[in-house]
PDB file of all heavy atoms in Angstrom:
ATOM      1  N   ALA A   1      91.906  76.580  72.163  1.00  0.00           N
ATOM      2  CA  ALA A   1      90.919  77.189  73.105  1.00  0.00           C
ATOM      3  C   ALA A   1      91.133  76.870  74.562  1.00  0.00           C
ATOM      4  O   ALA A   1      90.640  77.666  75.426  1.00  0.00           O
ATOM      5  CB  ALA A   1      89.495  76.731  72.724  1.00  0.00           C
ATOM      6  N   ARG A   2      91.962  75.788  74.869  1.00  0.00           N
ATOM      7  CA  ARG A   2      92.144  75.396  76.243  1.00  0.00           C
ATOM      8  C   ARG A   2      93.380  76.238  76.826  1.00  0.00           C
ATOM      9  O   ARG A   2      93.829  76.051  77.990  1.00  0.00           O
ATOM     10  CB  ARG A   2      92.457  74.047  76.295  1.00  0.00           C
ATOM     11  CG  ARG A   2      91.148  73.191  75.906  1.00  0.00           C
ATOM     12  CD  ARG A   2      91.155  71.770  76.141  1.00  0.00           C
ATOM     13  NE  ARG A   2      89.810  71.103  75.774  1.00  0.00           N
ATOM     14  CZ  ARG A   2      89.356  70.125  76.480  1.00  0.00           C
ATOM     15  NH1 ARG A   2      90.054  69.462  77.380  1.00  0.00           N
ATOM     16  NH2 ARG A   2      88.206  69.701  76.044  1.00  0.00           N
ATOM     17  N   GLY A   3      93.932  77.055  75.873  1.00  0.00           N
ATOM     18  CA  GLY A   3      95.109  77.972  76.375  1.00  0.00           C
ATOM     19  C   GLY A   3      96.151  77.427  77.179  1.00  0.00           C
ATOM     20  O   GLY A   3      96.507  76.284  76.868  1.00  0.00           O
ATOM     21  N   SER A   4      96.730  78.139  77.928  1.00  0.00           N
ATOM     22  CA  SER A   4      97.913  77.589  78.685  1.00  0.00           C
ATOM     23  C   SER A   4      97.799  77.956  80.232  1.00  0.00           C
ATOM     24  O   SER A   4      97.676  79.234  80.649  1.00  0.00           O
ATOM     25  CB  SER A   4      99.225  78.335  78.281  1.00  0.00           C
ATOM     26  OG  SER A   4     100.337  77.907  78.965  1.00  0.00           O
ATOM     27  N   GLY A   5      97.669  76.922  80.997  1.00  0.00           N
ATOM     28  CA  GLY A   5      97.293  77.191  82.485  1.00  0.00           C
ATOM     29  C   GLY A   5      95.977  77.877  82.588  1.00  0.00           C
ATOM     30  O   GLY A   5      94.969  77.483  81.992  1.00  0.00           O
ATOM     31  N   ASP A   6      96.080  78.978  83.318  1.00  0.00           N
ATOM     32  CA  ASP A   6      94.739  79.875  83.479  1.00  0.00           C
ATOM     33  C   ASP A   6      94.799  81.050  82.623  1.00  0.00           C
ATOM     34  O   ASP A   6      93.954  81.897  82.749  1.00  0.00           O
ATOM     35  CB  ASP A   6      94.688  80.307  84.944  1.00  0.00           C
ATOM     36  CG  ASP A   6      95.796  81.158  85.395  1.00  0.00           C
ATOM     37  OD1 ASP A   6      96.805  81.435  84.690  1.00  0.00           O
ATOM     38  OD2 ASP A   6      95.852  81.553  86.650  1.00  0.00           O
ATOM     39  N   THR A   7      95.488  80.975  81.556  1.00  0.00           N
ATOM     40  CA  THR A   7      95.527  82.146  80.562  1.00  0.00           C
ATOM     41  C   THR A   7      94.781  81.644  79.204  1.00  0.00           C
ATOM     42  O   THR A   7      95.237  80.765  78.470  1.00  0.00           O
ATOM     43  CB  THR A   7      96.971  82.554  80.107  1.00  0.00           C
ATOM     44  OG1 THR A   7      97.674  82.840  81.380  1.00  0.00           O
ATOM     45  CG2 THR A   7      96.918  83.600  79.173  1.00  0.00           C
ATOM     46  N   GLY A   8      93.678  82.336  79.048  1.00  0.00           N
ATOM     47  CA  GLY A   8      92.904  81.963  77.883  1.00  0.00           C
ATOM     48  C   GLY A   8      93.513  82.492  76.537  1.00  0.00           C
ATOM     49  O   GLY A   8      94.279  83.556  76.635  1.00  0.00           O
ATOM     50  N   LYS A   9      93.307  81.902  75.454  1.00  0.00           N
ATOM     51  CA  LYS A   9      93.771  82.303  74.169  1.00  0.00           C
ATOM     52  C   LYS A   9      92.754  82.747  73.128  1.00  0.00           C
ATOM     53  O   LYS A   9      92.999  83.538  72.214  1.00  0.00           O
ATOM     54  CB  LYS A   9      94.629  81.196  73.528  1.00  0.00           C
ATOM     55  CG  LYS A   9      95.808  80.872  74.310  1.00  0.00           C
ATOM     56  CD  LYS A   9      96.871  81.963  74.383  1.00  0.00           C
ATOM     57  CE  LYS A   9      98.070  81.453  74.947  1.00  0.00           C
ATOM     58  NZ  LYS A   9      99.123  82.659  75.079  1.00  0.00           N
ATOM     59  N   VAL A  10      91.549  82.281  73.400  1.00  0.00           N
ATOM     60  CA  VAL A  10      90.480  82.559  72.371  1.00  0.00           C
ATOM     61  C   VAL A  10      89.374  83.397  73.094  1.00  0.00           C
ATOM     62  O   VAL A  10      88.868  83.028  74.178  1.00  0.00           O
ATOM     63  CB  VAL A  10      89.734  81.283  71.911  1.00  0.00           C
ATOM     64  CG1 VAL A  10      88.607  81.530  71.049  1.00  0.00           C
ATOM     65  CG2 VAL A  10      90.849  80.459  71.104  1.00  0.00           C
ATOM     66  N   GLY A  11      88.860  84.329  72.432  1.00  0.00           N
ATOM     67  CA  GLY A  11      87.854  85.290  73.001  1.00  0.00           C
ATOM     68  C   GLY A  11      86.389  84.959  72.819  1.00  0.00           C
ATOM     69  O   GLY A  11      85.640  84.909  73.654  1.00  0.00           O
ATOM     70  N   PHE A  12      86.116  84.564  71.574  1.00  0.00           N
ATOM     71  CA  PHE A  12      84.787  84.306  71.078  1.00  0.00           C
ATOM     72  C   PHE A  12      84.817  83.166  70.092  1.00  0.00           C
ATOM     73  O   PHE A  12      85.627  83.033  69.199  1.00  0.00           O
ATOM     74  CB  PHE A  12      84.250  85.562  70.256  1.00  0.00           C
ATOM     75  CG  PHE A  12      82.863  85.418  69.598  1.00  0.00           C
ATOM     76  CD1 PHE A  12      81.783  85.440  70.354  1.00  0.00           C
ATOM     77  CD2 PHE A  12      82.874  85.111  68.244  1.00  0.00           C
ATOM     78  CE1 PHE A  12      80.453  85.260  69.680  1.00  0.00           C
ATOM     79  CE2 PHE A  12      81.637  84.873  67.543  1.00  0.00           C
ATOM     80  CZ  PHE A  12      80.424  84.968  68.324  1.00  0.00           C
ATOM     81  N   THR A  13      83.878  82.106  70.358  1.00  0.00           N
ATOM     82  CA  THR A  13      83.891  80.895  69.626  1.00  0.00           C
ATOM     83  C   THR A  13      82.574  80.135  69.805  1.00  0.00           C
ATOM     84  O   THR A  13      81.657  80.707  70.442  1.00  0.00           O
ATOM     85  CB  THR A  13      85.060  80.024  70.008  1.00  0.00           C
ATOM     86  OG1 THR A  13      85.139  78.941  69.157  1.00  0.00           O
ATOM     87  CG2 THR A  13      84.902  79.547  71.443  1.00  0.00           C
ATOM     88  N   TRP A  14      82.449  79.070  69.153  1.00  0.00           N
ATOM     89  CA  TRP A  14      81.262  78.254  69.309  1.00  0.00           C
ATOM     90  C   TRP A  14      81.716  76.895  69.793  1.00  0.00           C
ATOM     91  O   TRP A  14      82.860  76.427  69.381  1.00  0.00           O
ATOM     92  CB  TRP A  14      80.585  78.071  67.957  1.00  0.00           C
ATOM     93  CG  TRP A  14      80.089  79.454  67.381  1.00  0.00           C
ATOM     94  CD1 TRP A  14      78.873  79.924  67.868  1.00  0.00           C
ATOM     95  CD2 TRP A  14      80.650  80.258  66.682  1.00  0.00           C
ATOM     96  NE1 TRP A  14      78.641  81.170  67.226  1.00  0.00           N
ATOM     97  CE2 TRP A  14      79.622  81.519  66.447  1.00  0.00           C
ATOM     98  CE3 TRP A  14      81.755  80.448  65.915  1.00  0.00           C
ATOM     99  CZ2 TRP A  14      79.894  82.517  65.655  1.00  0.00           C
ATOM    100  CZ3 TRP A  14      82.085  81.481  64.940  1.00  0.00           C
ATOM    101  CH2 TRP A  14      81.173  82.487  64.990  1.00  0.00           C
ATOM    102  N   GLY A  15      80.948  76.106  70.524  1.00  0.00           N
ATOM    103  CA  GLY A  15      81.260  74.712  70.881  1.00  0.00           C
ATOM    104  C   GLY A  15      80.023  74.028  71.550  1.00  0.00           C
ATOM    105  O   GLY A  15      78.928  74.510  71.475  1.00  0.00           O
ATOM    106  N   TRP A  16      80.298  72.979  71.962  1.00  0.00           N
ATOM    107  CA  TRP A  16      79.288  71.935  72.482  1.00  0.00           C
ATOM    108  C   TRP A  16      78.889  72.361  74.023  1.00  0.00           C
ATOM    109  O   TRP A  16      77.827  72.746  74.349  1.00  0.00           O
ATOM    110  CB  TRP A  16      79.701  70.536  72.507  1.00  0.00           C
ATOM    111  CG  TRP A  16      78.842  69.663  73.407  1.00  0.00           C
ATOM    112  CD1 TRP A  16      79.309  68.953  74.478  1.00  0.00           C
ATOM    113  CD2 TRP A  16      77.535  69.198  73.228  1.00  0.00           C
ATOM    114  NE1 TRP A  16      78.341  68.252  74.965  1.00  0.00           N
ATOM    115  CE2 TRP A  16      77.234  68.422  74.263  1.00  0.00           C
ATOM    116  CE3 TRP A  16      76.454  69.472  72.303  1.00  0.00           C
ATOM    117  CZ2 TRP A  16      75.972  67.867  74.413  1.00  0.00           C
ATOM    118  CZ3 TRP A  16      75.219  69.056  72.488  1.00  0.00           C
ATOM    119  CH2 TRP A  16      75.054  68.127  73.536  1.00  0.00           C
ATOM    120  N   GLU A  17      79.996  72.421  74.908  1.00  0.00           N
ATOM    121  CA  GLU A  17      79.808  72.657  76.234  1.00  0.00           C
ATOM    122  C   GLU A  17      81.015  73.232  76.835  1.00  0.00           C
ATOM    123  O   GLU A  17      82.143  72.989  76.321  1.00  0.00           O
ATOM    124  CB  GLU A  17      79.406  71.211  77.043  1.00  0.00           C
ATOM    125  CG  GLU A  17      79.044  71.425  78.441  1.00  0.00           C
ATOM    126  CD  GLU A  17      80.263  71.332  79.350  1.00  0.00           C
ATOM    127  OE1 GLU A  17      81.341  70.793  78.958  1.00  0.00           O
ATOM    128  OE2 GLU A  17      80.181  71.729  80.562  1.00  0.00           O
ATOM    129  N   VAL A  18      80.897  74.089  77.922  1.00  0.00           N
ATOM    130  CA  VAL A  18      82.016  74.868  78.268  1.00  0.00           C
ATOM    131  C   VAL A  18      83.258  74.184  78.676  1.00  0.00           C
ATOM    132  O   VAL A  18      84.342  74.526  78.248  1.00  0.00           O
ATOM    133  CB  VAL A  18      81.549  76.076  79.375  1.00  0.00           C
ATOM    134  CG1 VAL A  18      81.332  75.355  80.502  1.00  0.00           C
ATOM    135  CG2 VAL A  18      82.577  77.146  79.476  1.00  0.00           C
ATOM    136  N   THR A  19      83.107  73.103  79.375  1.00  0.00           N
ATOM    137  CA  THR A  19      84.270  72.321  79.883  1.00  0.00           C
ATOM    138  C   THR A  19      84.827  71.606  78.721  1.00  0.00           C
ATOM    139  O   THR A  19      86.082  71.415  78.601  1.00  0.00           O
ATOM    140  CB  THR A  19      83.986  71.429  81.130  1.00  0.00           C
ATOM    141  OG1 THR A  19      83.026  70.462  80.767  1.00  0.00           O
ATOM    142  CG2 THR A  19      83.608  72.137  82.226  1.00  0.00           C
ATOM    143  N   ASP A  20      83.919  71.155  77.854  1.00  0.00           N
ATOM    144  CA  ASP A  20      84.361  70.383  76.664  1.00  0.00           C
ATOM    145  C   ASP A  20      85.142  71.277  75.756  1.00  0.00           C
ATOM    146  O   ASP A  20      86.192  70.842  75.142  1.00  0.00           O
ATOM    147  CB  ASP A  20      83.191  69.783  76.006  1.00  0.00           C
ATOM    148  CG  ASP A  20      83.432  69.064  74.719  1.00  0.00           C
ATOM    149  OD1 ASP A  20      83.408  69.790  73.611  1.00  0.00           O
ATOM    150  OD2 ASP A  20      83.580  67.886  74.706  1.00  0.00           O
ATOM    151  N   ARG A  21      84.722  72.527  75.666  1.00  0.00           N
ATOM    152  CA  ARG A  21      85.347  73.434  74.753  1.00  0.00           C
ATOM    153  C   ARG A  21      86.815  74.046  75.337  1.00  0.00           C
ATOM    154  O   ARG A  21      87.782  74.174  74.657  1.00  0.00           O
ATOM    155  CB  ARG A  21      84.388  74.645  74.383  1.00  0.00           C
ATOM    156  CG  ARG A  21      85.072  75.554  73.345  1.00  0.00           C
ATOM    157  CD  ARG A  21      84.968  74.928  71.888  1.00  0.00           C
ATOM    158  NE  ARG A  21      85.512  75.953  71.012  1.00  0.00           N
ATOM    159  CZ  ARG A  21      86.826  76.025  70.532  1.00  0.00           C
ATOM    160  NH1 ARG A  21      87.688  75.100  71.140  1.00  0.00           N
ATOM    161  NH2 ARG A  21      87.196  76.719  69.631  1.00  0.00           N
ATOM    162  N   PHE A  22      86.642  74.377  76.518  1.00  0.00           N
ATOM    163  CA  PHE A  22      87.812  75.179  77.214  1.00  0.00           C
ATOM    164  C   PHE A  22      88.646  74.359  78.132  1.00  0.00           C
ATOM    165  O   PHE A  22      89.681  74.837  78.607  1.00  0.00           O
ATOM    166  CB  PHE A  22      87.315  76.406  77.656  1.00  0.00           C
ATOM    167  CG  PHE A  22      86.567  77.276  76.705  1.00  0.00           C
ATOM    168  CD1 PHE A  22      85.190  77.362  76.766  1.00  0.00           C
ATOM    169  CD2 PHE A  22      87.237  77.917  75.713  1.00  0.00           C
ATOM    170  CE1 PHE A  22      84.476  78.159  75.858  1.00  0.00           C
ATOM    171  CE2 PHE A  22      86.538  78.753  74.784  1.00  0.00           C
ATOM    172  CZ  PHE A  22      85.160  78.806  74.908  1.00  0.00           C
ATOM    173  N   GLY A  23      88.156  73.137  78.532  1.00  0.00           N
ATOM    174  CA  GLY A  23      88.800  72.491  79.618  1.00  0.00           C
ATOM    175  C   GLY A  23      88.347  72.909  81.021  1.00  0.00           C
ATOM    176  O   GLY A  23      87.737  74.043  81.149  1.00  0.00           O
ATOM    177  N   ASN A  24      88.627  72.150  82.050  1.00  0.00           N
ATOM    178  CA  ASN A  24      88.182  72.458  83.415  1.00  0.00           C
ATOM    179  C   ASN A  24      88.770  73.779  83.904  1.00  0.00           C
ATOM    180  O   ASN A  24      88.139  74.512  84.581  1.00  0.00           O
ATOM    181  CB  ASN A  24      88.600  71.331  84.346  1.00  0.00           C
ATOM    182  CG  ASN A  24      87.715  69.986  83.990  1.00  0.00           C
ATOM    183  OD1 ASN A  24      86.684  70.041  83.343  1.00  0.00           O
ATOM    184  ND2 ASN A  24      88.368  68.916  84.427  1.00  0.00           N
ATOM    185  N   THR A  25      90.012  74.123  83.556  1.00  0.00           N
ATOM    186  CA  THR A  25      90.697  75.123  84.143  1.00  0.00           C
ATOM    187  C   THR A  25      90.121  76.564  83.653  1.00  0.00           C
ATOM    188  O   THR A  25      89.785  77.479  84.479  1.00  0.00           O
ATOM    189  CB  THR A  25      92.233  75.219  83.886  1.00  0.00           C
ATOM    190  OG1 THR A  25      92.806  73.929  84.516  1.00  0.00           O
ATOM    191  CG2 THR A  25      92.869  76.413  84.612  1.00  0.00           C
ATOM    192  N   LEU A  26      89.988  76.561  82.343  1.00  0.00           N
ATOM    193  CA  LEU A  26      89.554  77.824  81.862  1.00  0.00           C
ATOM    194  C   LEU A  26      87.919  78.066  81.687  1.00  0.00           C
ATOM    195  O   LEU A  26      87.491  79.148  81.476  1.00  0.00           O
ATOM    196  CB  LEU A  26      90.114  77.994  80.437  1.00  0.00           C
ATOM    197  CG  LEU A  26      91.598  78.235  80.272  1.00  0.00           C
ATOM    198  CD1 LEU A  26      92.038  78.387  78.787  1.00  0.00           C
ATOM    199  CD2 LEU A  26      92.023  79.500  80.935  1.00  0.00           C
ATOM    200  N   ALA A  27      87.286  76.956  81.897  1.00  0.00           N
ATOM    201  CA  ALA A  27      85.832  76.890  81.685  1.00  0.00           C
ATOM    202  C   ALA A  27      85.132  78.189  82.460  1.00  0.00           C
ATOM    203  O   ALA A  27      84.156  78.757  81.958  1.00  0.00           O
ATOM    204  CB  ALA A  27      85.214  75.625  82.009  1.00  0.00           C
ATOM    205  N   PRO A  28      85.544  78.434  83.775  1.00  0.00           N
ATOM    206  CA  PRO A  28      84.904  79.475  84.412  1.00  0.00           C
ATOM    207  C   PRO A  28      84.965  80.741  83.868  1.00  0.00           C
ATOM    208  O   PRO A  28      84.250  81.706  84.165  1.00  0.00           O
ATOM    209  CB  PRO A  28      85.569  79.355  85.819  1.00  0.00           C
ATOM    210  CG  PRO A  28      85.942  77.940  85.985  1.00  0.00           C
ATOM    211  CD  PRO A  28      86.457  77.595  84.583  1.00  0.00           C
ATOM    212  N   GLN A  29      85.962  81.027  82.920  1.00  0.00           N
ATOM    213  CA  GLN A  29      86.067  82.290  82.379  1.00  0.00           C
ATOM    214  C   GLN A  29      84.984  82.624  81.340  1.00  0.00           C
ATOM    215  O   GLN A  29      84.861  83.741  80.909  1.00  0.00           O
ATOM    216  CB  GLN A  29      87.494  82.466  81.649  1.00  0.00           C
ATOM    217  CG  GLN A  29      88.709  82.411  82.757  1.00  0.00           C
ATOM    218  CD  GLN A  29      89.973  82.630  81.968  1.00  0.00           C
ATOM    219  OE1 GLN A  29      90.117  83.161  80.797  1.00  0.00           O
ATOM    220  NE2 GLN A  29      91.094  82.409  82.621  1.00  0.00           N
ATOM    221  N   TYR A  30      84.421  81.596  80.814  1.00  0.00           N
ATOM    222  CA  TYR A  30      83.666  81.742  79.657  1.00  0.00           C
ATOM    223  C   TYR A  30      82.026  81.695  79.977  1.00  0.00           C
ATOM    224  O   TYR A  30      81.693  80.965  81.038  1.00  0.00           O
ATOM    225  CB  TYR A  30      83.812  80.571  78.509  1.00  0.00           C
ATOM    226  CG  TYR A  30      85.120  80.873  77.831  1.00  0.00           C
ATOM    227  CD1 TYR A  30      86.375  80.382  78.556  1.00  0.00           C
ATOM    228  CD2 TYR A  30      85.291  81.638  76.810  1.00  0.00           C
ATOM    229  CE1 TYR A  30      87.577  80.646  77.997  1.00  0.00           C
ATOM    230  CE2 TYR A  30      86.588  81.756  76.160  1.00  0.00           C
ATOM    231  CZ  TYR A  30      87.700  81.254  76.781  1.00  0.00           C
ATOM    232  OH  TYR A  30      88.924  81.537  76.220  1.00  0.00           O
ATOM    233  N   THR A  31      81.225  82.379  79.188  1.00  0.00           N
ATOM    234  CA  THR A  31      79.802  82.347  79.419  1.00  0.00           C
ATOM    235  C   THR A  31      79.168  82.203  78.053  1.00  0.00           C
ATOM    236  O   THR A  31      79.634  82.618  76.972  1.00  0.00           O
ATOM    237  CB  THR A  31      79.380  83.637  79.988  1.00  0.00           C
ATOM    238  OG1 THR A  31      77.861  83.552  80.247  1.00  0.00           O
ATOM    239  CG2 THR A  31      79.465  84.925  79.114  1.00  0.00           C
ATOM    240  N   SER A  32      77.958  81.636  78.093  1.00  0.00           N
ATOM    241  CA  SER A  32      77.264  81.295  76.790  1.00  0.00           C
ATOM    242  C   SER A  32      76.457  82.575  76.568  1.00  0.00           C
ATOM    243  O   SER A  32      76.047  83.249  77.416  1.00  0.00           O
ATOM    244  CB  SER A  32      76.346  80.051  76.801  1.00  0.00           C
ATOM    245  OG  SER A  32      75.454  80.159  77.961  1.00  0.00           O
ATOM    246  N   MET A  33      76.244  82.872  75.270  1.00  0.00           N
ATOM    247  CA  MET A  33      75.570  83.964  74.701  1.00  0.00           C
ATOM    248  C   MET A  33      74.218  83.719  74.021  1.00  0.00           C
ATOM    249  O   MET A  33      73.957  82.605  73.487  1.00  0.00           O
ATOM    250  CB  MET A  33      76.590  84.724  73.722  1.00  0.00           C
ATOM    251  CG  MET A  33      77.820  85.102  74.335  1.00  0.00           C
ATOM    252  SD  MET A  33      78.949  85.724  72.881  1.00  0.00           S
ATOM    253  CE  MET A  33      77.952  87.212  72.263  1.00  0.00           C
ATOM    254  N   SER A  34      73.470  84.761  74.044  1.00  0.00           N
ATOM    255  CA  SER A  34      72.283  84.764  73.253  1.00  0.00           C
ATOM    256  C   SER A  34      72.571  84.998  71.680  1.00  0.00           C
ATOM    257  O   SER A  34      73.705  85.578  71.414  1.00  0.00           O
ATOM    258  CB  SER A  34      71.259  85.885  73.635  1.00  0.00           C
ATOM    259  OG  SER A  34      70.965  85.815  74.980  1.00  0.00           O
ATOM    260  N   PRO A  35      71.747  84.657  70.784  1.00  0.00           N
ATOM    261  CA  PRO A  35      72.071  84.926  69.451  1.00  0.00           C
ATOM    262  C   PRO A  35      72.152  86.374  69.221  1.00  0.00           C
ATOM    263  O   PRO A  35      71.406  87.243  69.734  1.00  0.00           O
ATOM    264  CB  PRO A  35      70.745  84.471  68.583  1.00  0.00           C
ATOM    265  CG  PRO A  35      70.168  83.357  69.515  1.00  0.00           C
ATOM    266  CD  PRO A  35      70.405  83.955  71.050  1.00  0.00           C
ATOM    267  N   LEU A  36      73.065  86.787  68.320  1.00  0.00           N
ATOM    268  CA  LEU A  36      73.193  88.261  67.967  1.00  0.00           C
ATOM    269  C   LEU A  36      72.153  88.842  66.942  1.00  0.00           C
ATOM    270  O   LEU A  36      71.709  88.084  66.013  1.00  0.00           O
ATOM    271  CB  LEU A  36      74.614  88.457  67.402  1.00  0.00           C
ATOM    272  CG  LEU A  36      75.698  88.062  68.325  1.00  0.00           C
ATOM    273  CD1 LEU A  36      77.061  87.970  67.514  1.00  0.00           C
ATOM    274  CD2 LEU A  36      75.913  89.150  69.446  1.00  0.00           C
ATOM    275  N   LYS A  37      71.764  89.909  67.077  1.00  0.00           N
ATOM    276  CA  LYS A  37      71.095  90.661  66.031  1.00  0.00           C
ATOM    277  C   LYS A  37      71.990  91.106  64.958  1.00  0.00           C
ATOM    278  O   LYS A  37      73.199  91.443  65.214  1.00  0.00           O
ATOM    279  CB  LYS A  37      70.326  91.883  66.562  1.00  0.00           C
ATOM    280  CG  LYS A  37      69.147  91.572  67.586  1.00  0.00           C
ATOM    281  CD  LYS A  37      68.519  92.763  68.219  1.00  0.00           C
ATOM    282  CE  LYS A  37      67.726  93.516  67.095  1.00  0.00           C
ATOM    283  NZ  LYS A  37      66.941  94.648  67.626  1.00  0.00           N
ATOM    284  N   ALA A  38      71.599  91.004  63.658  1.00  0.00           N
ATOM    285  CA  ALA A  38      72.474  91.518  62.683  1.00  0.00           C
ATOM    286  C   ALA A  38      72.847  92.945  62.792  1.00  0.00           C
ATOM    287  O   ALA A  38      73.894  93.492  62.445  1.00  0.00           O
ATOM    288  CB  ALA A  38      71.892  91.243  61.253  1.00  0.00           C
ATOM    289  N   ALA A  39      71.895  93.828  63.256  1.00  0.00           N
ATOM    290  CA  ALA A  39      71.925  95.255  63.434  1.00  0.00           C
ATOM    291  C   ALA A  39      71.086  95.806  64.471  1.00  0.00           C
ATOM    292  O   ALA A  39      70.120  95.031  64.811  1.00  0.00           O
ATOM    293  CB  ALA A  39      71.736  95.988  62.031  1.00  0.00           C
TER     294      ALA A  39
END
């Protein structure tokens, strides 16, 4: 999930905290989401 340099590899995932999950470099690319509706 921390990719290579400033190039992300993972689009959608779950984790604890954005820098913890993606590292300091890629963290700004990601945003947390609301729960999804099934339909």
